[in-house]
C-alpha atoms as a PDB file:
ATOM      1  CA  MET A   1     -22.258 -27.132 -43.391  1.00  0.00           C
ATOM      2  CA  LYS A   2     -20.748 -28.975 -40.393  1.00  0.00           C
ATOM      3  CA  ALA A   3     -17.371 -26.770 -40.608  1.00  0.00           C
ATOM      4  CA  ILE A   4     -19.788 -23.676 -39.736  1.00  0.00           C
ATOM      5  CA  ALA A   5     -21.434 -25.600 -37.011  1.00  0.00           C
ATOM      6  CA  TRP A   6     -17.980 -26.792 -35.732  1.00  0.00           C
ATOM      7  CA  TYR A   7     -16.828 -23.226 -35.823  1.00  0.00           C
ATOM      8  CA  LEU A   8     -19.799 -21.900 -34.114  1.00  0.00           C
ATOM      9  CA  GLY A   9     -19.670 -24.486 -31.430  1.00  0.00           C
ATOM     10  CA  LEU A  10     -15.984 -23.299 -30.844  1.00  0.00           C
ATOM     11  CA  MET A  11     -16.963 -19.955 -30.503  1.00  0.00           C
ATOM     12  CA  VAL A  12     -19.585 -20.561 -27.833  1.00  0.00           C
ATOM     13  CA  VAL A  13     -17.125 -22.709 -25.844  1.00  0.00           C
ATOM     14  CA  GLY A  14     -14.541 -19.830 -26.453  1.00  0.00           C
ATOM     15  CA  GLY A  15     -16.601 -17.347 -24.938  1.00  0.00           C
ATOM     16  CA  PHE A  16     -17.486 -19.399 -21.875  1.00  0.00           C
ATOM     17  CA  LEU A  17     -13.683 -19.937 -21.246  1.00  0.00           C
ATOM     18  CA  VAL A  18     -13.373 -16.208 -21.401  1.00  0.00           C
ATOM     19  CA  VAL A  19     -16.144 -15.400 -19.013  1.00  0.00           C
ATOM     20  CA  THR A  20     -15.684 -18.089 -16.394  1.00  0.00           C
ATOM     21  CA  THR A  21     -11.546 -17.494 -16.394  1.00  0.00           C
ATOM     22  CA  PRO A  22     -10.476 -15.664 -13.539  1.00  0.00           C
ATOM     23  CA  HIS A  23      -8.334 -12.777 -14.328  1.00  0.00           C
ATOM     24  CA  PRO A  24      -5.902 -11.370 -12.030  1.00  0.00           C
ATOM     25  CA  ASN A  25      -6.861  -7.631 -10.628  1.00  0.00           C
ATOM     26  CA  VAL A  26      -4.425  -5.553 -10.389  1.00  0.00           C
ATOM     27  CA  SER A  27      -6.335  -3.037  -8.274  1.00  0.00           C
ATOM     28  CA  ALA A  28      -7.101  -5.676  -5.440  1.00  0.00           C
ATOM     29  CA  GLU A  29      -3.382  -6.706  -5.198  1.00  0.00           C
ATOM     30  CA  THR A  30      -1.719  -5.675  -2.351  1.00  0.00           C
ATOM     31  CA  ILE A  31       2.054  -4.377  -2.424  1.00  0.00           C
ATOM     32  CA  GLN A  32       4.371  -3.676   0.461  1.00  0.00           C
ATOM     33  CA  ARG A  33       6.822  -0.387   0.119  1.00  0.00           C
ATOM     34  CA  THR A  34       9.235   1.299   2.171  1.00  0.00           C
ATOM     35  CA  VAL A  35      10.128   4.999   2.108  1.00  0.00           C
ATOM     36  CA  ARG A  36      12.496   7.145   3.587  1.00  0.00           C
ATOM     37  CA  GLY A  37      11.828  10.676   4.501  1.00  0.00           C
ATOM     38  CA  THR A  38      10.748  13.280   7.255  1.00  0.00           C
ATOM     39  CA  VAL A  39       7.677  13.159   9.433  1.00  0.00           C
ATOM     40  CA  THR A  40       5.659  15.825   8.709  1.00  0.00           C
ATOM     41  CA  ALA A  41       2.375  15.264  10.777  1.00  0.00           C
ATOM     42  CA  THR A  42       0.897  12.803  12.830  1.00  0.00           C
ATOM     43  CA  ASN A  43      -2.767  12.669  13.903  1.00  0.00           C
ATOM     44  CA  LEU A  44      -3.281  10.817  16.990  1.00  0.00           C
ATOM     45  CA  THR A  45      -7.127  11.882  17.391  1.00  0.00           C
ATOM     46  CA  VAL A  46      -8.472   9.792  14.619  1.00  0.00           C
ATOM     47  CA  ASP A  47      -8.974   5.692  14.727  1.00  0.00           C
ATOM     48  CA  PRO A  48      -6.855   4.576  13.296  1.00  0.00           C
ATOM     49  CA  GLN A  49      -4.093   7.459  13.873  1.00  0.00           C
ATOM     50  CA  THR A  50      -1.811   8.269  10.830  1.00  0.00           C
ATOM     51  CA  ILE A  51       1.354   9.684  10.212  1.00  0.00           C
ATOM     52  CA  VAL A  52       2.668  11.798   7.268  1.00  0.00           C
ATOM     53  CA  ILE A  53       6.177  11.560   5.648  1.00  0.00           C
ATOM     54  CA  LYS A  54       7.845  13.650   3.149  1.00  0.00           C
ATOM     55  CA  VAL A  55       9.984  12.009   0.562  1.00  0.00           C
ATOM     56  CA  ILE A  56      12.471  13.363  -1.687  1.00  0.00           C
ATOM     57  CA  GLN A  57      12.886  11.057  -4.700  1.00  0.00           C
ATOM     58  CA  PRO A  58      15.846  11.029  -6.585  1.00  0.00           C
ATOM     59  CA  ASN A  59      14.484  13.188  -9.351  1.00  0.00           C
ATOM     60  CA  LYS A  60      14.362  15.541  -6.335  1.00  0.00           C
ATOM     61  CA  GLU A  61      10.468  15.658  -6.555  1.00  0.00           C
ATOM     62  CA  GLU A  62       8.562  15.598  -3.251  1.00  0.00           C
ATOM     63  CA  LEU A  63       6.428  12.820  -2.583  1.00  0.00           C
ATOM     64  CA  ILE A  64       4.163  12.766   0.367  1.00  0.00           C
ATOM     65  CA  VAL A  65       3.061   9.785   1.828  1.00  0.00           C
ATOM     66  CA  GLY A  66       0.355   9.167   4.498  1.00  0.00           C
ATOM     67  CA  ALA A  67      -0.648   5.869   5.985  1.00  0.00           C
ATOM     68  CA  ARG A  68      -3.092   4.491   8.691  1.00  0.00           C
ATOM     69  CA  VAL A  69      -1.035   3.362  11.823  1.00  0.00           C
ATOM     70  CA  PRO A  70      -3.082   0.714  13.708  1.00  0.00           C
ATOM     71  CA  THR A  71      -2.150  -0.706  16.840  1.00  0.00           C
ATOM     72  CA  SER A  72      -0.349  -3.713  15.471  1.00  0.00           C
ATOM     73  CA  THR A  73       2.338  -0.956  13.733  1.00  0.00           C
ATOM     74  CA  ARG A  74       5.822  -1.911  14.927  1.00  0.00           C
ATOM     75  CA  ILE A  75       7.397   1.486  15.859  1.00  0.00           C
ATOM     76  CA  THR A  76      11.180   2.035  16.901  1.00  0.00           C
ATOM     77  CA  ARG A  77      13.318   4.627  17.837  1.00  0.00           C
ATOM     78  CA  GLY A  78      16.545   2.803  17.655  1.00  0.00           C
ATOM     79  CA  LYS A  79      16.213  -0.366  19.204  1.00  0.00           C
ATOM     80  CA  LYS A  80      13.282   0.859  21.950  1.00  0.00           C
ATOM     81  CA  THR A  81       9.987   0.543  21.260  1.00  0.00           C
ATOM     82  CA  VAL A  82       7.852   3.804  21.152  1.00  0.00           C
ATOM     83  CA  GLN A  83       4.470   5.079  20.434  1.00  0.00           C
ATOM     84  CA  LEU A  84       3.227   7.171  17.404  1.00  0.00           C
ATOM     85  CA  ALA A  85       2.764  10.210  20.058  1.00  0.00           C
ATOM     86  CA  ASP A  86       6.534  10.052  20.986  1.00  0.00           C
ATOM     87  CA  LEU A  87       7.475  10.962  17.312  1.00  0.00           C
ATOM     88  CA  LYS A  88       8.304  14.822  16.520  1.00  0.00           C
ATOM     89  CA  VAL A  89       7.650  16.947  13.279  1.00  0.00           C
ATOM     90  CA  GLY A  90      11.319  17.104  11.018  1.00  0.00           C
ATOM     91  CA  GLU A  91      12.689  13.623  12.265  1.00  0.00           C
ATOM     92  CA  ARG A  92      13.771  11.025   9.840  1.00  0.00           C
ATOM     93  CA  ALA A  93      11.916   8.014   9.520  1.00  0.00           C
ATOM     94  CA  GLU A  94      11.771   4.715   7.656  1.00  0.00           C
ATOM     95  CA  VAL A  95       8.218   3.635   7.101  1.00  0.00           C
ATOM     96  CA  THR A  96       7.309   0.157   5.585  1.00  0.00           C
ATOM     97  CA  TYR A  97       3.699   0.018   4.318  1.00  0.00           C
ATOM     98  CA  LEU A  98       1.097  -2.122   2.768  1.00  0.00           C
ATOM     99  CA  LYS A  99      -0.459  -0.351  -0.524  1.00  0.00           C
ATOM    100  CA  SER A 100      -4.009  -2.008  -1.060  1.00  0.00           C
ATOM    101  CA  PRO A 101      -7.557  -0.708  -2.379  1.00  0.00           C
ATOM    102  CA  ASP A 102      -8.239   0.659   0.772  1.00  0.00           C
ATOM    103  CA  GLY A 103      -5.254   2.843   1.193  1.00  0.00           C
ATOM    104  CA  LEU A 104      -2.230   2.508   2.921  1.00  0.00           C
ATOM    105  CA  VAL A 105      -1.513   0.950   6.265  1.00  0.00           C
ATOM    106  CA  ALA A 106       1.799   1.074   8.004  1.00  0.00           C
ATOM    107  CA  GLN A 107       3.543  -2.117   9.295  1.00  0.00           C
ATOM    108  CA  SER A 108       6.429  -0.796  10.962  1.00  0.00           C
ATOM    109  CA  ILE A 109       7.804   2.779  11.357  1.00  0.00           C
ATOM    110  CA  HIS A 110      11.632   3.513  12.624  1.00  0.00           C
ATOM    111  CA  VAL A 111      12.763   6.754  13.490  1.00  0.00           C
ATOM    112  CA  ARG A 112      16.600   7.585  13.527  1.00  0.00           C
END
């Protein structure tokens, strides 16, 4: 009888530990990535502004990446700082962005 009570108590304590222990949530993580590709579009009329890049992956598949471009995003051409409005469709660009549950947010854009 004592053994049964002990096992039941152990199960109850184990259940509380499972319920109260924080579990990492993969979707809540923020991941930084960098892609290199061709500028296919920019949208200056929305807030925050956006950029779309077409990336050719090593397996020759196309990947389209669209990211918000807040005012804090560093945008450069060579060593010179430029604005998103200065970018042209067809230019080669490298975009470093944060991927979060809220979407993609560009941290830096460098055009060549």
